[in-house]
Amino acid sequence: MQTDNVELKKLVYLYLMNYAKSQPDLAIMAVNTFVKDCEDTNPLIRALAVRTMGCIRVEKITEYLCEPLRKCMKDEDPYVRKTAAVCVAKLHDMNPKLVEEQGISWFG
């Protein structure tokens, strides 16, 4: 989503989290936005993108989460790293084989 308004972004991401299971195509279309927001200069935006990716329980998007998660696990901001660690745990719950194959861990 192309906006600098954090509150608006939170609302849109909340909508996506709530409707992704019933409308998986909506979640798939938003993946590029999450990936882009994981590289935002604002750590709150990065953490929001990571948290949203972790809450969207759509199997089709899990493979797209690995690289952004790997980067966020090494982020300079501790809040982003913490949020990424929680997301890795959620991803492992959904697809443990993928997490192991990709080598995503809390230790980078």
Protein backbone atom coordinates (compact mmCIF):
# COMPACT_ATOMS: atom_id res chain seq x y z
CA MET A 1 0.00 0.00 0.00
CA GLN A 2 1.54 3.27 -1.11
CA THR A 3 1.10 5.59 1.87
CA ASP A 4 3.24 7.03 4.62
CA ASN A 5 0.27 7.18 7.00
CA VAL A 6 1.04 4.53 9.63
CA GLU A 7 -2.51 4.45 11.01
CA LEU A 8 -4.03 3.85 7.57
CA LYS A 9 -1.46 1.14 6.89
CA LYS A 10 -2.38 -0.55 10.20
CA LEU A 11 -6.06 -0.57 9.24
CA VAL A 12 -5.41 -2.05 5.80
CA TYR A 13 -3.09 -4.69 7.24
CA LEU A 14 -5.67 -5.55 9.89
CA TYR A 15 -8.27 -5.98 7.15
CA LEU A 16 -5.90 -8.28 5.25
CA MET A 17 -5.22 -10.39 8.35
CA ASN A 18 -8.93 -10.85 9.00
CA TYR A 19 -9.97 -11.69 5.46
CA ALA A 20 -6.93 -13.55 4.11
CA LYS A 21 -8.22 -16.99 5.05
CA SER A 22 -11.54 -16.52 3.26
CA GLN A 23 -9.95 -14.57 0.37
CA PRO A 24 -6.42 -15.97 -0.16
CA ASP A 25 -6.04 -14.17 -3.49
CA LEU A 26 -6.24 -10.88 -1.60
CA ALA A 27 -3.30 -11.94 0.56
CA ILE A 28 -1.27 -13.09 -2.44
CA MET A 29 -1.73 -9.71 -4.12
CA ALA A 30 -0.43 -7.97 -0.98
CA VAL A 31 2.80 -9.97 -0.65
CA ASN A 32 4.89 -7.48 -2.64
CA THR A 33 3.73 -4.70 -0.35
CA PHE A 34 4.79 -6.65 2.73
CA VAL A 35 8.19 -7.39 1.24
CA LYS A 36 8.67 -3.75 0.30
CA ASP A 37 7.55 -2.54 3.74
CA CYS A 38 10.06 -4.88 5.39
CA GLU A 39 12.73 -2.57 3.97
CA ASP A 40 11.08 0.71 5.00
CA THR A 41 13.19 3.25 6.89
CA ASN A 42 10.65 3.33 9.73
CA PRO A 43 11.12 0.35 12.10
CA LEU A 44 7.42 0.44 13.04
CA ILE A 45 6.48 -0.11 9.40
CA ARG A 46 9.00 -2.96 9.10
CA ALA A 47 7.63 -4.62 12.24
CA LEU A 48 4.04 -4.10 11.10
CA ALA A 49 4.77 -5.79 7.77
CA VAL A 50 6.49 -8.72 9.48
CA ARG A 51 3.71 -9.13 12.05
CA THR A 52 1.07 -9.06 9.31
CA MET A 53 2.92 -11.68 7.28
CA GLY A 54 3.02 -13.90 10.35
CA CYS A 55 -0.69 -13.55 10.98
CA ILE A 56 -1.78 -14.38 7.45
CA ARG A 57 -2.25 -18.13 7.51
CA VAL A 58 -2.28 -18.78 3.76
CA GLU A 59 -0.03 -21.63 2.66
CA LYS A 60 0.58 -20.13 -0.79
CA ILE A 61 2.47 -17.11 0.56
CA THR A 62 4.79 -18.87 3.00
CA GLU A 63 7.66 -19.24 0.52
CA TYR A 64 7.65 -15.49 -0.11
CA LEU A 65 8.14 -14.75 3.59
CA CYS A 66 11.52 -16.42 4.02
CA GLU A 67 13.85 -13.77 2.61
CA PRO A 68 12.16 -10.78 4.30
CA LEU A 69 12.15 -12.72 7.58
CA ARG A 70 15.82 -13.56 7.23
CA LYS A 71 16.62 -9.87 6.78
CA CYS A 72 14.40 -8.76 9.65
CA MET A 73 15.98 -11.30 12.00
CA LYS A 74 19.20 -9.29 11.56
CA ASP A 75 17.55 -5.85 11.70
CA GLU A 76 19.24 -3.11 13.71
CA ASP A 77 16.01 -2.42 15.62
CA PRO A 78 15.25 -4.83 18.50
CA TYR A 79 11.47 -4.49 18.05
CA VAL A 80 11.74 -5.60 14.42
CA ARG A 81 13.94 -8.55 15.43
CA LYS A 82 11.50 -9.59 18.16
CA THR A 83 8.56 -9.38 15.78
CA ALA A 84 10.47 -11.41 13.18
CA ALA A 85 11.26 -14.10 15.77
CA VAL A 86 7.56 -14.43 16.59
CA CYS A 87 6.78 -14.61 12.87
CA VAL A 88 9.36 -17.39 12.39
CA ALA A 89 7.64 -19.36 15.16
CA LYS A 90 4.27 -18.90 13.45
CA LEU A 91 5.72 -19.88 10.09
CA HIS A 92 7.29 -22.96 11.67
CA ASP A 93 3.90 -23.89 13.11
CA MET A 94 2.38 -23.67 9.65
CA ASN A 95 5.24 -25.13 7.58
CA PRO A 96 8.12 -26.55 9.66
CA LYS A 97 9.80 -28.16 6.65
CA LEU A 98 10.10 -24.80 4.87
CA VAL A 99 11.67 -23.10 7.90
CA GLU A 100 14.20 -25.91 8.26
CA GLU A 101 15.00 -26.02 4.53
CA GLN A 102 15.47 -22.25 4.36
CA GLY A 103 17.61 -22.21 7.48
CA ILE A 104 15.62 -19.45 9.14
CA SER A 105 16.43 -19.35 12.81
CA TRP A 106 16.59 -17.02 15.75
CA PHE A 107 20.36 -17.05 15.41
CA GLY A 108 20.48 -15.69 11.85
